[in-house]
Amino acid sequence: MERAHAIAATIAKQPPLTTKYTRIGITERLGRVIDEGIGYGLALQGVTAAEAARIASAQNAA
């Protein structure tokens, strides 16, 4: 956390336009990472839900 504060202080000393584009650069990258992972997470959730439904159905049939 100490390192993060030091980096933030360095960024805050920069001109406003620099800090604006630094923020955009960081948040754009994080947004892409999240967007790329959402599809995979939803697929896993779907597989899990289907398996849970299959197990429940098998238990109800027994």
C-alpha atoms as a PDB file:
ATOM      1  CA  MET A   1       0.000   0.000   0.000  1.00  0.00           C
ATOM      2  CA  GLU A   2       2.913   2.297   0.735  1.00  0.00           C
ATOM      3  CA  ARG A   3       4.194   1.828  -2.819  1.00  0.00           C
ATOM      4  CA  ALA A   4       0.738   2.586  -4.234  1.00  0.00           C
ATOM      5  CA  HIS A   5       0.619   5.851  -2.280  1.00  0.00           C
ATOM      6  CA  ALA A   6       4.068   6.797  -3.559  1.00  0.00           C
ATOM      7  CA  ILE A   7       3.020   6.149  -7.169  1.00  0.00           C
ATOM      8  CA  ALA A   8      -0.226   8.070  -6.661  1.00  0.00           C
ATOM      9  CA  ALA A   9       1.699  11.031  -5.236  1.00  0.00           C
ATOM     10  CA  THR A  10       4.008  11.023  -8.262  1.00  0.00           C
ATOM     11  CA  ILE A  11       1.069  10.936 -10.658  1.00  0.00           C
ATOM     12  CA  ALA A  12      -0.746  13.695  -8.738  1.00  0.00           C
ATOM     13  CA  LYS A  13       2.256  16.025  -9.214  1.00  0.00           C
ATOM     14  CA  GLN A  14       1.880  15.816 -12.993  1.00  0.00           C
ATOM     15  CA  PRO A  15      -0.049  18.312 -15.122  1.00  0.00           C
ATOM     16  CA  PRO A  16      -3.847  17.763 -15.214  1.00  0.00           C
ATOM     17  CA  LEU A  17      -3.845  16.508 -18.801  1.00  0.00           C
ATOM     18  CA  THR A  18      -1.207  13.904 -17.954  1.00  0.00           C
ATOM     19  CA  THR A  19      -3.174  12.652 -14.961  1.00  0.00           C
ATOM     20  CA  LYS A  20      -6.354  12.532 -17.038  1.00  0.00           C
ATOM     21  CA  TYR A  21      -4.785  10.338 -19.706  1.00  0.00           C
ATOM     22  CA  THR A  22      -2.992   8.213 -17.125  1.00  0.00           C
ATOM     23  CA  ARG A  23      -6.365   7.448 -15.536  1.00  0.00           C
ATOM     24  CA  ILE A  24      -7.916   6.713 -18.928  1.00  0.00           C
ATOM     25  CA  GLY A  25      -5.050   4.400 -19.832  1.00  0.00           C
ATOM     26  CA  ILE A  26      -5.340   2.466 -16.592  1.00  0.00           C
ATOM     27  CA  THR A  27      -9.129   2.198 -16.582  1.00  0.00           C
ATOM     28  CA  GLU A  28      -9.324   1.260 -20.275  1.00  0.00           C
ATOM     29  CA  ARG A  29      -6.935  -1.644 -19.719  1.00  0.00           C
ATOM     30  CA  LEU A  30      -8.832  -2.828 -16.656  1.00  0.00           C
ATOM     31  CA  GLY A  31     -12.110  -2.551 -18.568  1.00  0.00           C
ATOM     32  CA  ARG A  32     -10.764  -4.754 -21.362  1.00  0.00           C
ATOM     33  CA  VAL A  33      -9.522  -7.356 -18.877  1.00  0.00           C
ATOM     34  CA  ILE A  34     -12.939  -7.433 -17.198  1.00  0.00           C
ATOM     35  CA  ASP A  35     -14.778  -7.597 -20.527  1.00  0.00           C
ATOM     36  CA  GLU A  36     -12.590 -10.492 -21.679  1.00  0.00           C
ATOM     37  CA  GLY A  37     -13.222 -12.429 -18.478  1.00  0.00           C
ATOM     38  CA  ILE A  38     -16.984 -11.923 -18.256  1.00  0.00           C
ATOM     39  CA  GLY A  39     -17.809 -14.324 -21.081  1.00  0.00           C
ATOM     40  CA  TYR A  40     -15.693 -17.054 -19.526  1.00  0.00           C
ATOM     41  CA  GLY A  41     -17.250 -16.481 -16.098  1.00  0.00           C
ATOM     42  CA  LEU A  42     -20.760 -16.610 -17.529  1.00  0.00           C
ATOM     43  CA  ALA A  43     -19.945 -19.817 -19.392  1.00  0.00           C
ATOM     44  CA  LEU A  44     -18.706 -21.420 -16.179  1.00  0.00           C
ATOM     45  CA  GLN A  45     -21.808 -20.238 -14.358  1.00  0.00           C
ATOM     46  CA  GLY A  46     -24.005 -21.773 -17.063  1.00  0.00           C
ATOM     47  CA  VAL A  47     -22.191 -25.101 -16.913  1.00  0.00           C
ATOM     48  CA  THR A  48     -22.488 -25.133 -13.132  1.00  0.00           C
ATOM     49  CA  ALA A  49     -26.201 -24.320 -13.243  1.00  0.00           C
ATOM     50  CA  ALA A  50     -26.817 -27.060 -15.809  1.00  0.00           C
ATOM     51  CA  GLU A  51     -24.935 -29.589 -13.696  1.00  0.00           C
ATOM     52  CA  ALA A  52     -26.843 -28.557 -10.559  1.00  0.00           C
ATOM     53  CA  ALA A  53     -30.147 -28.941 -12.437  1.00  0.00           C
ATOM     54  CA  ARG A  54     -29.093 -32.356 -13.721  1.00  0.00           C
ATOM     55  CA  ILE A  55     -28.182 -33.539 -10.203  1.00  0.00           C
ATOM     56  CA  ALA A  56     -31.453 -32.185  -8.754  1.00  0.00           C
ATOM     57  CA  SER A  57     -33.420 -33.894 -11.493  1.00  0.00           C
ATOM     58  CA  ALA A  58     -31.655 -37.193 -10.860  1.00  0.00           C
ATOM     59  CA  GLN A  59     -32.318 -36.922  -7.127  1.00  0.00           C
ATOM     60  CA  ASN A  60     -36.014 -36.138  -7.698  1.00  0.00           C
ATOM     61  CA  ALA A  61     -36.351 -39.120 -10.043  1.00  0.00           C
ATOM     62  CA  ALA A  62     -34.863 -41.489  -7.463  1.00  0.00           C
END
